[in-house]
Amino acid sequence: MSLRKVEWRLPGRLIPREFFERTGSVLAGRIVEVEAYLGPHNDPPDPAAHAHRGPTPRNQVLFGPAGHAYVYSIYGQYFCMNISCEKKGLAGCVLLRALEPIEGVAQMALNRGLAEDAPARLISSGPSRLCLALGLTRSTHNGLDVTSDSSVLQVRDDGFPEARVLTTPRIGIKHAVEWPLRFALRGHACVSGPRRMAETPRKGRSSVQ
């Protein structure tokens, strides 16, 4: 698996999560927005990446193998989820930024403390919101293989038609803010951040190898 292949292919994929604790059902959302974060082997290194300074006990999942969930906490109470994308020993990942709720939508809304009929954008638009909606935590889901059929957390291709993916600079960070490593389904209502996004031509990625 390669970061270069994954970043463009993840938007449109489903991410189902078995939710047995209360209902015995499945929660699922369609990935509509991601951001790529590059490993220290990249030239230049990505100063916004958790792997920027090398492996630590916290970020070990990022250094391979590929296809595993890296769940980390922010502000001591919320979580974000990445998927490792490089071979063992290297680092690189894709941050899930937004989902469209697909299955178990009412439960996902309740997990967010919202009414069951809350707008989809409020349920899982944003990295922490989607983790709350799916009930993801570091203690339970960090390190899970999202490519395994036996995993309670997976990424699946359900035949969703290929859609145009918009490329923009990443948002909500302080370093390398100009790098065009954010990828979103064009015009989708559940994409996070500004509703109007200026697209970066794909050739602009040549400055980030």
N, C-alpha and C. Protein backbone atom coordinates (compact mmCIF):
# COMPACT_ATOMS: atom_id res chain seq x y z
N MET A 1 0.84 -1.19 0.00
CA MET A 1 0.00 0.00 0.00
C MET A 1 0.88 1.24 0.00
N SER A 2 0.51 2.24 -0.78
CA SER A 2 1.29 3.47 -0.88
C SER A 2 0.41 4.66 -0.55
N LEU A 3 0.98 5.63 0.15
CA LEU A 3 0.24 6.85 0.49
C LEU A 3 -0.27 7.52 -0.77
N ARG A 4 0.53 7.53 -1.83
CA ARG A 4 0.15 8.18 -3.07
C ARG A 4 -1.08 7.52 -3.70
N LYS A 5 -1.23 6.22 -3.50
CA LYS A 5 -2.39 5.52 -4.05
C LYS A 5 -3.61 5.70 -3.16
N VAL A 6 -3.40 5.70 -1.85
CA VAL A 6 -4.51 5.70 -0.90
C VAL A 6 -5.22 7.05 -0.84
N GLU A 7 -4.47 8.14 -0.86
CA GLU A 7 -5.06 9.45 -0.61
C GLU A 7 -6.16 9.79 -1.61
N TRP A 8 -6.02 9.32 -2.85
CA TRP A 8 -7.02 9.59 -3.88
C TRP A 8 -8.14 8.57 -3.88
N ARG A 9 -7.89 7.37 -3.36
CA ARG A 9 -8.88 6.30 -3.44
C ARG A 9 -9.79 6.20 -2.23
N LEU A 10 -9.40 6.74 -1.09
CA LEU A 10 -10.22 6.63 0.11
C LEU A 10 -11.55 7.37 0.01
N PRO A 11 -11.58 8.60 -0.52
CA PRO A 11 -12.89 9.26 -0.62
C PRO A 11 -13.87 8.41 -1.43
N GLY A 12 -15.06 8.19 -0.84
CA GLY A 12 -16.06 7.34 -1.46
C GLY A 12 -16.15 5.95 -0.85
N ARG A 13 -15.12 5.53 -0.11
CA ARG A 13 -15.13 4.22 0.51
C ARG A 13 -16.01 4.24 1.78
N LEU A 14 -16.50 3.07 2.14
CA LEU A 14 -17.28 2.92 3.37
C LEU A 14 -16.37 2.55 4.52
N ILE A 15 -16.70 3.04 5.72
CA ILE A 15 -15.99 2.61 6.92
C ILE A 15 -17.03 2.13 7.93
N PRO A 16 -17.31 0.81 7.93
CA PRO A 16 -18.26 0.25 8.89
C PRO A 16 -17.58 -0.10 10.20
N ARG A 17 -18.37 0.02 11.29
CA ARG A 17 -17.86 -0.30 12.62
C ARG A 17 -18.92 -1.11 13.35
N GLU A 18 -18.58 -2.31 13.76
CA GLU A 18 -19.53 -3.13 14.51
C GLU A 18 -19.80 -2.47 15.85
N PHE A 19 -21.08 -2.37 16.19
CA PHE A 19 -21.48 -1.66 17.40
C PHE A 19 -22.34 -2.60 18.25
N PHE A 20 -21.67 -3.50 18.93
CA PHE A 20 -22.39 -4.54 19.66
C PHE A 20 -22.78 -4.12 21.08
N GLU A 21 -22.11 -3.10 21.62
CA GLU A 21 -22.28 -2.80 23.03
C GLU A 21 -23.75 -2.58 23.42
N ARG A 22 -24.51 -1.91 22.54
CA ARG A 22 -25.90 -1.60 22.89
C ARG A 22 -26.91 -2.25 21.97
N THR A 23 -26.65 -2.26 20.69
CA THR A 23 -27.69 -2.65 19.73
C THR A 23 -27.37 -3.87 18.91
N GLY A 24 -26.12 -4.31 18.88
CA GLY A 24 -25.74 -5.43 18.03
C GLY A 24 -25.78 -5.07 16.56
N SER A 25 -25.73 -3.79 16.24
CA SER A 25 -25.85 -3.33 14.85
C SER A 25 -24.51 -2.86 14.32
N VAL A 26 -24.55 -2.31 13.11
CA VAL A 26 -23.36 -1.77 12.47
C VAL A 26 -23.55 -0.28 12.24
N LEU A 27 -22.53 0.48 12.54
CA LEU A 27 -22.49 1.90 12.22
C LEU A 27 -21.59 2.06 11.02
N ALA A 28 -21.99 2.85 10.05
CA ALA A 28 -21.17 3.00 8.85
C ALA A 28 -21.30 4.39 8.27
N GLY A 29 -20.19 4.88 7.75
CA GLY A 29 -20.19 6.18 7.07
C GLY A 29 -19.34 6.10 5.81
N ARG A 30 -19.67 6.94 4.86
CA ARG A 30 -18.88 7.01 3.64
C ARG A 30 -17.83 8.11 3.79
N ILE A 31 -16.58 7.78 3.50
CA ILE A 31 -15.50 8.76 3.60
C ILE A 31 -15.67 9.81 2.51
N VAL A 32 -15.75 11.07 2.90
CA VAL A 32 -15.92 12.14 1.92
C VAL A 32 -14.77 13.15 1.96
N GLU A 33 -13.88 13.02 2.94
CA GLU A 33 -12.76 13.96 3.05
C GLU A 33 -11.62 13.36 3.85
N VAL A 34 -10.40 13.49 3.36
CA VAL A 34 -9.22 13.00 4.06
C VAL A 34 -8.08 14.01 3.89
N GLU A 35 -7.06 13.84 4.72
CA GLU A 35 -5.81 14.59 4.56
C GLU A 35 -4.64 13.63 4.67
N ALA A 36 -3.62 13.84 3.87
CA ALA A 36 -2.42 13.01 3.91
C ALA A 36 -1.36 13.67 4.78
N TYR A 37 -0.63 12.85 5.53
CA TYR A 37 0.50 13.31 6.34
C TYR A 37 1.69 12.41 6.03
N LEU A 38 2.80 13.02 5.70
CA LEU A 38 3.95 12.31 5.17
C LEU A 38 4.95 11.94 6.26
N GLY A 39 5.71 10.88 6.02
CA GLY A 39 6.68 10.40 6.99
C GLY A 39 8.00 11.16 6.95
N PRO A 40 8.88 10.90 7.92
CA PRO A 40 10.17 11.59 7.98
C PRO A 40 11.10 11.24 6.83
N HIS A 41 10.79 10.17 6.07
CA HIS A 41 11.60 9.82 4.91
C HIS A 41 11.30 10.73 3.73
N ASN A 42 10.19 11.47 3.81
CA ASN A 42 9.83 12.37 2.72
C ASN A 42 10.83 13.53 2.64
N ASP A 43 11.04 14.04 1.44
CA ASP A 43 11.95 15.16 1.24
C ASP A 43 11.18 16.31 0.57
N PRO A 44 10.83 17.34 1.35
CA PRO A 44 11.19 17.57 2.76
C PRO A 44 10.25 16.82 3.70
N PRO A 45 10.67 16.60 4.95
CA PRO A 45 9.79 15.97 5.93
C PRO A 45 8.56 16.84 6.18
N ASP A 46 7.50 16.23 6.61
CA ASP A 46 6.25 16.93 6.87
C ASP A 46 6.21 17.39 8.32
N PRO A 47 6.38 18.68 8.59
CA PRO A 47 6.42 19.16 9.97
C PRO A 47 5.08 19.09 10.69
N ALA A 48 3.99 18.86 9.94
CA ALA A 48 2.67 18.76 10.57
C ALA A 48 2.32 17.33 10.96
N ALA A 49 3.17 16.37 10.60
CA ALA A 49 2.86 14.95 10.84
C ALA A 49 3.28 14.51 12.23
N HIS A 50 2.51 13.60 12.82
CA HIS A 50 2.87 13.03 14.12
C HIS A 50 4.16 12.24 14.04
N ALA A 51 4.50 11.75 12.85
CA ALA A 51 5.70 10.94 12.68
C ALA A 51 6.94 11.78 12.37
N HIS A 52 6.81 13.08 12.40
CA HIS A 52 7.87 13.99 11.96
C HIS A 52 9.21 13.72 12.65
N ARG A 53 9.18 13.45 13.94
CA ARG A 53 10.42 13.26 14.70
C ARG A 53 10.79 11.80 14.90
N GLY A 54 10.12 10.90 14.19
CA GLY A 54 10.45 9.49 14.30
C GLY A 54 9.48 8.73 15.17
N PRO A 55 9.70 7.41 15.30
CA PRO A 55 8.76 6.57 16.06
C PRO A 55 8.81 6.82 17.56
N THR A 56 7.65 6.77 18.18
CA THR A 56 7.49 6.88 19.63
C THR A 56 6.45 5.85 20.05
N PRO A 57 6.31 5.59 21.34
CA PRO A 57 5.26 4.65 21.76
C PRO A 57 3.87 5.10 21.29
N ARG A 58 3.65 6.40 21.22
CA ARG A 58 2.35 6.91 20.82
C ARG A 58 2.06 6.68 19.34
N ASN A 59 3.05 6.90 18.47
CA ASN A 59 2.79 6.89 17.02
C ASN A 59 3.28 5.63 16.31
N GLN A 60 3.60 4.59 17.06
CA GLN A 60 4.23 3.40 16.49
C GLN A 60 3.42 2.80 15.33
N VAL A 61 2.11 2.89 15.41
CA VAL A 61 1.26 2.32 14.36
C VAL A 61 1.58 2.93 13.00
N LEU A 62 1.97 4.20 12.99
CA LEU A 62 2.24 4.89 11.73
C LEU A 62 3.42 4.31 10.97
N PHE A 63 4.31 3.61 11.65
CA PHE A 63 5.52 3.09 11.02
C PHE A 63 5.33 1.65 10.51
N GLY A 64 4.10 1.31 10.22
CA GLY A 64 3.80 0.06 9.55
C GLY A 64 3.40 -1.05 10.49
N PRO A 65 2.79 -2.06 9.89
CA PRO A 65 2.46 -2.17 8.47
C PRO A 65 1.29 -1.28 8.07
N ALA A 66 1.06 -1.21 6.76
CA ALA A 66 0.00 -0.35 6.24
C ALA A 66 -1.38 -0.94 6.54
N GLY A 67 -2.39 -0.06 6.48
CA GLY A 67 -3.76 -0.51 6.62
C GLY A 67 -4.24 -0.66 8.04
N HIS A 68 -3.60 0.03 8.99
CA HIS A 68 -3.98 -0.06 10.39
C HIS A 68 -4.45 1.30 10.91
N ALA A 69 -5.39 1.25 11.86
CA ALA A 69 -5.94 2.47 12.43
C ALA A 69 -4.98 3.07 13.45
N TYR A 70 -4.71 4.34 13.29
CA TYR A 70 -3.95 5.10 14.28
C TYR A 70 -4.93 6.09 14.91
N VAL A 71 -5.34 5.80 16.13
CA VAL A 71 -6.31 6.64 16.84
C VAL A 71 -5.58 7.36 17.96
N TYR A 72 -5.69 8.67 17.98
CA TYR A 72 -5.01 9.45 19.01
C TYR A 72 -5.97 10.45 19.63
N SER A 73 -5.64 10.88 20.85
CA SER A 73 -6.51 11.80 21.57
C SER A 73 -6.06 13.24 21.38
N ILE A 74 -7.01 14.16 21.41
CA ILE A 74 -6.72 15.59 21.37
C ILE A 74 -7.50 16.26 22.49
N TYR A 75 -6.88 17.24 23.09
CA TYR A 75 -7.51 18.00 24.19
C TYR A 75 -7.92 17.10 25.36
N GLY A 76 -7.38 15.89 25.41
CA GLY A 76 -7.64 15.01 26.53
C GLY A 76 -9.01 14.38 26.57
N GLN A 77 -9.86 14.64 25.54
CA GLN A 77 -11.21 14.09 25.60
C GLN A 77 -11.79 13.66 24.25
N TYR A 78 -11.17 14.06 23.15
CA TYR A 78 -11.65 13.68 21.83
C TYR A 78 -10.61 12.83 21.11
N PHE A 79 -11.05 12.17 20.04
CA PHE A 79 -10.15 11.31 19.28
C PHE A 79 -10.21 11.64 17.80
N CYS A 80 -9.12 11.33 17.09
CA CYS A 80 -9.05 11.41 15.64
C CYS A 80 -8.49 10.08 15.13
N MET A 81 -8.83 9.74 13.89
CA MET A 81 -8.37 8.46 13.33
C MET A 81 -7.64 8.65 12.02
N ASN A 82 -6.49 8.02 11.91
CA ASN A 82 -5.71 7.95 10.68
C ASN A 82 -5.61 6.49 10.24
N ILE A 83 -5.21 6.29 9.01
CA ILE A 83 -4.91 4.95 8.51
C ILE A 83 -3.47 4.94 8.01
N SER A 84 -2.66 4.02 8.52
CA SER A 84 -1.26 3.93 8.09
C SER A 84 -1.22 3.47 6.64
N CYS A 85 -0.24 4.01 5.88
CA CYS A 85 -0.25 3.78 4.43
C CYS A 85 1.11 3.42 3.84
N GLU A 86 2.12 3.24 4.65
CA GLU A 86 3.44 2.93 4.12
C GLU A 86 3.88 1.55 4.61
N LYS A 87 4.92 1.04 3.97
CA LYS A 87 5.45 -0.27 4.39
C LYS A 87 6.13 -0.14 5.74
N LYS A 88 6.29 -1.26 6.40
CA LYS A 88 6.84 -1.28 7.75
C LYS A 88 8.20 -0.61 7.78
N GLY A 89 8.39 0.26 8.76
CA GLY A 89 9.64 0.99 8.91
C GLY A 89 9.58 2.42 8.41
N LEU A 90 8.64 2.68 7.50
CA LEU A 90 8.40 4.05 7.04
C LEU A 90 7.13 4.55 7.72
N ALA A 91 6.81 5.80 7.48
CA ALA A 91 5.59 6.34 8.08
C ALA A 91 4.88 7.22 7.07
N GLY A 92 3.58 7.21 7.16
CA GLY A 92 2.73 8.01 6.31
C GLY A 92 1.31 7.59 6.60
N CYS A 93 0.40 8.52 6.60
CA CYS A 93 -0.96 8.16 6.96
C CYS A 93 -1.95 9.10 6.31
N VAL A 94 -3.21 8.69 6.37
CA VAL A 94 -4.31 9.51 5.91
C VAL A 94 -5.25 9.74 7.08
N LEU A 95 -5.51 11.01 7.38
CA LEU A 95 -6.45 11.39 8.43
C LEU A 95 -7.86 11.40 7.85
N LEU A 96 -8.79 10.74 8.53
CA LEU A 96 -10.20 10.82 8.13
C LEU A 96 -10.78 12.12 8.66
N ARG A 97 -11.22 12.98 7.76
CA ARG A 97 -11.73 14.29 8.18
C ARG A 97 -13.25 14.37 8.21
N ALA A 98 -13.93 13.61 7.36
CA ALA A 98 -15.39 13.70 7.34
C ALA A 98 -16.00 12.46 6.73
N LEU A 99 -17.17 12.08 7.26
CA LEU A 99 -17.95 10.96 6.75
C LEU A 99 -19.37 11.43 6.44
N GLU A 100 -20.02 10.73 5.52
CA GLU A 100 -21.47 10.84 5.34
C GLU A 100 -22.10 9.66 6.08
N PRO A 101 -22.93 9.89 7.08
CA PRO A 101 -23.57 8.77 7.79
C PRO A 101 -24.40 7.93 6.83
N ILE A 102 -24.23 6.60 6.89
CA ILE A 102 -24.91 5.70 5.95
C ILE A 102 -25.79 4.69 6.66
N GLU A 103 -25.27 4.06 7.69
CA GLU A 103 -26.01 3.01 8.41
C GLU A 103 -25.90 3.25 9.91
N GLY A 104 -27.01 3.01 10.62
CA GLY A 104 -27.02 3.29 12.05
C GLY A 104 -26.97 4.78 12.32
N VAL A 105 -27.58 5.55 11.44
CA VAL A 105 -27.47 7.02 11.50
C VAL A 105 -28.04 7.57 12.81
N ALA A 106 -29.18 7.05 13.24
CA ALA A 106 -29.78 7.54 14.49
C ALA A 106 -28.85 7.31 15.67
N GLN A 107 -28.21 6.12 15.72
CA GLN A 107 -27.28 5.84 16.81
C GLN A 107 -26.05 6.73 16.73
N MET A 108 -25.58 6.99 15.52
CA MET A 108 -24.43 7.88 15.35
C MET A 108 -24.77 9.27 15.87
N ALA A 109 -25.98 9.74 15.61
CA ALA A 109 -26.40 11.05 16.11
C ALA A 109 -26.46 11.05 17.63
N LEU A 110 -27.01 9.98 18.21
CA LEU A 110 -27.07 9.89 19.66
C LEU A 110 -25.68 9.86 20.28
N ASN A 111 -24.74 9.18 19.62
CA ASN A 111 -23.36 9.15 20.11
C ASN A 111 -22.77 10.55 20.17
N ARG A 112 -23.25 11.43 19.30
CA ARG A 112 -22.78 12.81 19.25
C ARG A 112 -23.56 13.72 20.19
N GLY A 113 -24.57 13.16 20.89
CA GLY A 113 -25.40 13.97 21.76
C GLY A 113 -26.41 14.81 20.99
N LEU A 114 -26.79 14.35 19.79
CA LEU A 114 -27.71 15.08 18.94
C LEU A 114 -29.04 14.34 18.84
N ALA A 115 -30.04 15.02 18.31
CA ALA A 115 -31.31 14.38 18.03
C ALA A 115 -31.12 13.35 16.92
N GLU A 116 -31.97 12.32 16.92
CA GLU A 116 -31.82 11.25 15.94
C GLU A 116 -31.94 11.73 14.50
N ASP A 117 -32.68 12.83 14.31
CA ASP A 117 -32.86 13.36 12.96
C ASP A 117 -31.97 14.56 12.67
N ALA A 118 -30.85 14.64 13.37
CA ALA A 118 -29.92 15.77 13.16
C ALA A 118 -29.37 15.75 11.74
N PRO A 119 -29.03 16.93 11.18
CA PRO A 119 -28.45 16.98 9.84
C PRO A 119 -27.16 16.15 9.77
N ALA A 120 -26.96 15.50 8.65
CA ALA A 120 -25.79 14.63 8.49
C ALA A 120 -24.48 15.37 8.72
N ARG A 121 -24.40 16.62 8.27
CA ARG A 121 -23.16 17.38 8.42
C ARG A 121 -22.78 17.56 9.87
N LEU A 122 -23.77 17.67 10.76
CA LEU A 122 -23.47 17.86 12.18
C LEU A 122 -23.02 16.56 12.85
N ILE A 123 -23.37 15.44 12.25
CA ILE A 123 -23.08 14.15 12.89
C ILE A 123 -21.62 13.75 12.73
N SER A 124 -21.08 13.84 11.53
CA SER A 124 -19.74 13.27 11.31
C SER A 124 -18.89 14.08 10.35
N SER A 125 -19.08 15.40 10.34
CA SER A 125 -18.24 16.28 9.55
C SER A 125 -17.17 16.88 10.44
N GLY A 126 -15.96 16.38 10.35
CA GLY A 126 -14.86 16.78 11.22
C GLY A 126 -14.22 15.56 11.85
N PRO A 127 -12.90 15.58 12.05
CA PRO A 127 -12.18 14.39 12.54
C PRO A 127 -12.68 13.86 13.89
N SER A 128 -12.92 14.75 14.84
CA SER A 128 -13.38 14.30 16.16
C SER A 128 -14.84 13.93 16.14
N ARG A 129 -15.64 14.67 15.37
CA ARG A 129 -17.06 14.35 15.27
C ARG A 129 -17.28 12.93 14.75
N LEU A 130 -16.53 12.56 13.72
CA LEU A 130 -16.75 11.22 13.13
C LEU A 130 -16.33 10.12 14.11
N CYS A 131 -15.29 10.38 14.90
CA CYS A 131 -14.89 9.38 15.89
C CYS A 131 -15.95 9.24 16.98
N LEU A 132 -16.52 10.36 17.41
CA LEU A 132 -17.61 10.30 18.38
C LEU A 132 -18.80 9.55 17.80
N ALA A 133 -19.15 9.86 16.56
CA ALA A 133 -20.30 9.23 15.92
C ALA A 133 -20.14 7.72 15.82
N LEU A 134 -18.93 7.27 15.51
CA LEU A 134 -18.67 5.83 15.38
C LEU A 134 -18.28 5.18 16.70
N GLY A 135 -18.08 6.00 17.74
CA GLY A 135 -17.68 5.45 19.03
C GLY A 135 -16.26 4.94 19.07
N LEU A 136 -15.37 5.60 18.34
CA LEU A 136 -13.97 5.16 18.26
C LEU A 136 -13.15 5.74 19.40
N THR A 137 -12.30 4.91 20.00
CA THR A 137 -11.40 5.35 21.06
C THR A 137 -10.02 4.74 20.83
N ARG A 138 -9.02 5.37 21.41
CA ARG A 138 -7.66 4.85 21.26
C ARG A 138 -7.51 3.49 21.93
N SER A 139 -8.06 3.34 23.13
CA SER A 139 -7.86 2.10 23.88
C SER A 139 -8.47 0.89 23.19
N THR A 140 -9.54 1.10 22.43
CA THR A 140 -10.24 -0.01 21.79
C THR A 140 -9.86 -0.22 20.33
N HIS A 141 -9.59 0.85 19.60
CA HIS A 141 -9.47 0.73 18.15
C HIS A 141 -8.09 1.04 17.58
N ASN A 142 -7.20 1.61 18.35
CA ASN A 142 -5.85 1.88 17.83
C ASN A 142 -5.14 0.59 17.46
N GLY A 143 -4.58 0.55 16.26
CA GLY A 143 -3.82 -0.61 15.81
C GLY A 143 -4.64 -1.65 15.07
N LEU A 144 -5.95 -1.49 14.97
CA LEU A 144 -6.77 -2.48 14.27
C LEU A 144 -6.48 -2.47 12.77
N ASP A 145 -6.53 -3.65 12.17
CA ASP A 145 -6.30 -3.81 10.74
C ASP A 145 -7.61 -3.53 10.00
N VAL A 146 -7.70 -2.40 9.32
CA VAL A 146 -8.96 -2.02 8.66
C VAL A 146 -9.15 -2.72 7.32
N THR A 147 -8.17 -3.53 6.92
CA THR A 147 -8.29 -4.30 5.68
C THR A 147 -8.75 -5.73 5.93
N SER A 148 -8.87 -6.14 7.18
CA SER A 148 -9.22 -7.51 7.53
C SER A 148 -10.74 -7.68 7.63
N ASP A 149 -11.25 -8.76 7.04
CA ASP A 149 -12.68 -9.05 7.11
C ASP A 149 -13.13 -9.38 8.53
N SER A 150 -12.19 -9.76 9.39
CA SER A 150 -12.55 -10.13 10.76
C SER A 150 -12.45 -8.96 11.73
N SER A 151 -12.01 -7.81 11.25
CA SER A 151 -11.86 -6.64 12.12
C SER A 151 -13.20 -5.98 12.39
N VAL A 152 -13.38 -5.43 13.59
CA VAL A 152 -14.61 -4.72 13.92
C VAL A 152 -14.62 -3.33 13.31
N LEU A 153 -13.50 -2.91 12.74
CA LEU A 153 -13.38 -1.60 12.09
C LEU A 153 -12.73 -1.83 10.73
N GLN A 154 -13.41 -1.47 9.65
CA GLN A 154 -12.92 -1.79 8.32
C GLN A 154 -13.10 -0.60 7.37
N VAL A 155 -12.40 -0.67 6.25
CA VAL A 155 -12.65 0.20 5.11
C VAL A 155 -13.03 -0.70 3.95
N ARG A 156 -14.16 -0.43 3.29
CA ARG A 156 -14.66 -1.30 2.24
C ARG A 156 -15.02 -0.51 0.98
N ASP A 157 -14.88 -1.18 -0.12
CA ASP A 157 -15.33 -0.65 -1.41
C ASP A 157 -16.68 -1.30 -1.71
N ASP A 158 -17.74 -0.50 -1.72
CA ASP A 158 -19.08 -1.04 -1.97
C ASP A 158 -19.57 -0.72 -3.37
N GLY A 159 -18.65 -0.35 -4.25
CA GLY A 159 -19.03 -0.05 -5.61
C GLY A 159 -19.53 1.35 -5.84
N PHE A 160 -19.30 2.23 -4.90
CA PHE A 160 -19.73 3.62 -5.04
C PHE A 160 -19.08 4.23 -6.29
N PRO A 161 -19.87 4.87 -7.14
CA PRO A 161 -19.32 5.41 -8.40
C PRO A 161 -18.18 6.38 -8.14
N GLU A 162 -17.17 6.30 -8.96
CA GLU A 162 -16.03 7.20 -8.81
C GLU A 162 -16.49 8.64 -8.99
N ALA A 163 -16.14 9.48 -8.06
CA ALA A 163 -16.55 10.88 -8.10
C ALA A 163 -15.31 11.77 -8.20
N ARG A 164 -15.52 13.01 -8.58
CA ARG A 164 -14.40 13.92 -8.68
C ARG A 164 -13.88 14.27 -7.29
N VAL A 165 -12.59 14.14 -7.10
CA VAL A 165 -11.96 14.45 -5.82
C VAL A 165 -11.28 15.81 -5.93
N LEU A 166 -11.65 16.70 -5.04
CA LEU A 166 -11.09 18.04 -5.00
C LEU A 166 -9.82 18.02 -4.15
N THR A 167 -8.79 18.71 -4.58
CA THR A 167 -7.52 18.79 -3.85
C THR A 167 -7.32 20.21 -3.36
N THR A 168 -7.04 20.36 -2.06
CA THR A 168 -6.79 21.68 -1.48
C THR A 168 -5.67 21.57 -0.45
N PRO A 169 -5.16 22.68 0.05
CA PRO A 169 -4.24 22.63 1.19
C PRO A 169 -4.97 22.08 2.43
N ARG A 170 -4.20 21.52 3.35
CA ARG A 170 -4.78 21.02 4.59
C ARG A 170 -5.27 22.18 5.45
N ILE A 171 -6.18 21.89 6.37
CA ILE A 171 -6.75 22.93 7.21
C ILE A 171 -6.56 22.57 8.68
N GLY A 172 -6.64 23.58 9.54
CA GLY A 172 -6.55 23.35 10.98
C GLY A 172 -5.17 23.02 11.49
N ILE A 173 -4.13 23.34 10.73
CA ILE A 173 -2.75 23.08 11.15
C ILE A 173 -1.94 24.36 11.07
N LYS A 174 -0.74 24.33 11.64
CA LYS A 174 0.11 25.53 11.69
C LYS A 174 1.36 25.39 10.82
N HIS A 175 1.68 24.18 10.38
CA HIS A 175 2.90 23.95 9.61
C HIS A 175 2.56 23.38 8.24
N ALA A 176 3.37 23.75 7.25
CA ALA A 176 3.18 23.27 5.88
C ALA A 176 1.74 23.45 5.42
N VAL A 177 1.18 24.58 5.74
CA VAL A 177 -0.24 24.83 5.45
C VAL A 177 -0.52 24.96 3.95
N GLU A 178 0.52 25.19 3.16
CA GLU A 178 0.31 25.37 1.72
C GLU A 178 0.36 24.05 0.95
N TRP A 179 0.77 22.96 1.59
CA TRP A 179 0.88 21.70 0.88
C TRP A 179 -0.51 21.18 0.49
N PRO A 180 -0.75 20.86 -0.76
CA PRO A 180 -2.07 20.42 -1.24
C PRO A 180 -2.31 18.94 -0.97
N LEU A 181 -2.61 18.62 0.28
CA LEU A 181 -2.74 17.22 0.70
C LEU A 181 -4.10 16.93 1.34
N ARG A 182 -5.08 17.74 1.02
CA ARG A 182 -6.45 17.49 1.49
C ARG A 182 -7.29 17.08 0.27
N PHE A 183 -8.07 16.00 0.45
CA PHE A 183 -8.81 15.44 -0.67
C PHE A 183 -10.27 15.22 -0.25
N ALA A 184 -11.20 15.77 -1.02
CA ALA A 184 -12.61 15.71 -0.64
C ALA A 184 -13.48 15.48 -1.86
N LEU A 185 -14.62 14.83 -1.65
CA LEU A 185 -15.58 14.67 -2.72
C LEU A 185 -16.18 16.04 -3.05
N ARG A 186 -16.03 16.43 -4.27
CA ARG A 186 -16.43 17.76 -4.70
C ARG A 186 -17.93 17.99 -4.47
N GLY A 187 -18.24 19.10 -3.78
CA GLY A 187 -19.62 19.50 -3.58
C GLY A 187 -20.40 18.72 -2.54
N HIS A 188 -19.74 17.81 -1.81
CA HIS A 188 -20.48 17.00 -0.84
C HIS A 188 -20.81 17.82 0.40
N ALA A 189 -22.04 17.71 0.87
CA ALA A 189 -22.52 18.53 1.99
C ALA A 189 -21.84 18.20 3.31
N CYS A 190 -21.25 17.00 3.44
CA CYS A 190 -20.65 16.60 4.71
C CYS A 190 -19.17 16.94 4.83
N VAL A 191 -18.58 17.52 3.80
CA VAL A 191 -17.18 17.93 3.87
C VAL A 191 -17.03 18.99 4.95
N SER A 192 -15.98 18.91 5.75
CA SER A 192 -15.77 19.83 6.86
C SER A 192 -15.13 21.13 6.39
N GLY A 193 -15.01 22.08 7.30
CA GLY A 193 -14.35 23.34 6.98
C GLY A 193 -15.22 24.24 6.14
N PRO A 194 -14.61 25.21 5.45
CA PRO A 194 -15.36 26.15 4.62
C PRO A 194 -16.19 25.43 3.57
N ARG A 195 -17.43 25.89 3.36
CA ARG A 195 -18.30 25.25 2.37
C ARG A 195 -17.79 25.47 0.96
N ARG A 196 -17.10 26.58 0.73
CA ARG A 196 -16.52 26.85 -0.58
C ARG A 196 -15.02 26.56 -0.51
N MET A 197 -14.54 25.69 -1.38
CA MET A 197 -13.13 25.31 -1.36
C MET A 197 -12.49 25.63 -2.70
N ALA A 198 -11.38 26.31 -2.65
CA ALA A 198 -10.62 26.60 -3.87
C ALA A 198 -9.73 25.42 -4.18
N GLU A 199 -9.87 24.88 -5.37
CA GLU A 199 -9.10 23.69 -5.73
C GLU A 199 -7.68 24.03 -6.09
N THR A 200 -6.75 23.16 -5.67
CA THR A 200 -5.35 23.27 -6.04
C THR A 200 -5.08 22.33 -7.20
N PRO A 201 -4.55 22.81 -8.32
CA PRO A 201 -4.25 21.91 -9.44
C PRO A 201 -3.37 20.78 -8.98
N ARG A 202 -3.61 19.58 -9.48
CA ARG A 202 -2.85 18.41 -9.03
C ARG A 202 -1.36 18.58 -9.30
N LYS A 203 -0.99 19.28 -10.35
CA LYS A 203 0.41 19.44 -10.65
C LYS A 203 1.13 20.21 -9.55
N GLY A 204 0.38 20.93 -8.72
CA GLY A 204 0.99 21.69 -7.64
C GLY A 204 1.62 20.82 -6.59
N ARG A 205 1.31 19.51 -6.59
CA ARG A 205 1.87 18.61 -5.61
C ARG A 205 3.34 18.31 -5.90
N SER A 206 3.86 18.80 -7.00
CA SER A 206 5.24 18.49 -7.36
C SER A 206 6.24 19.00 -6.35
N SER A 207 5.82 19.97 -5.53
CA SER A 207 6.74 20.51 -4.53
C SER A 207 6.79 19.64 -3.29
N VAL A 208 5.92 18.64 -3.21
CA VAL A 208 5.91 17.74 -2.07
C VAL A 208 6.10 16.33 -2.61
N GLN A 209 7.27 15.79 -2.49
CA GLN A 209 7.57 14.49 -3.07
C GLN A 209 7.44 13.42 -2.02
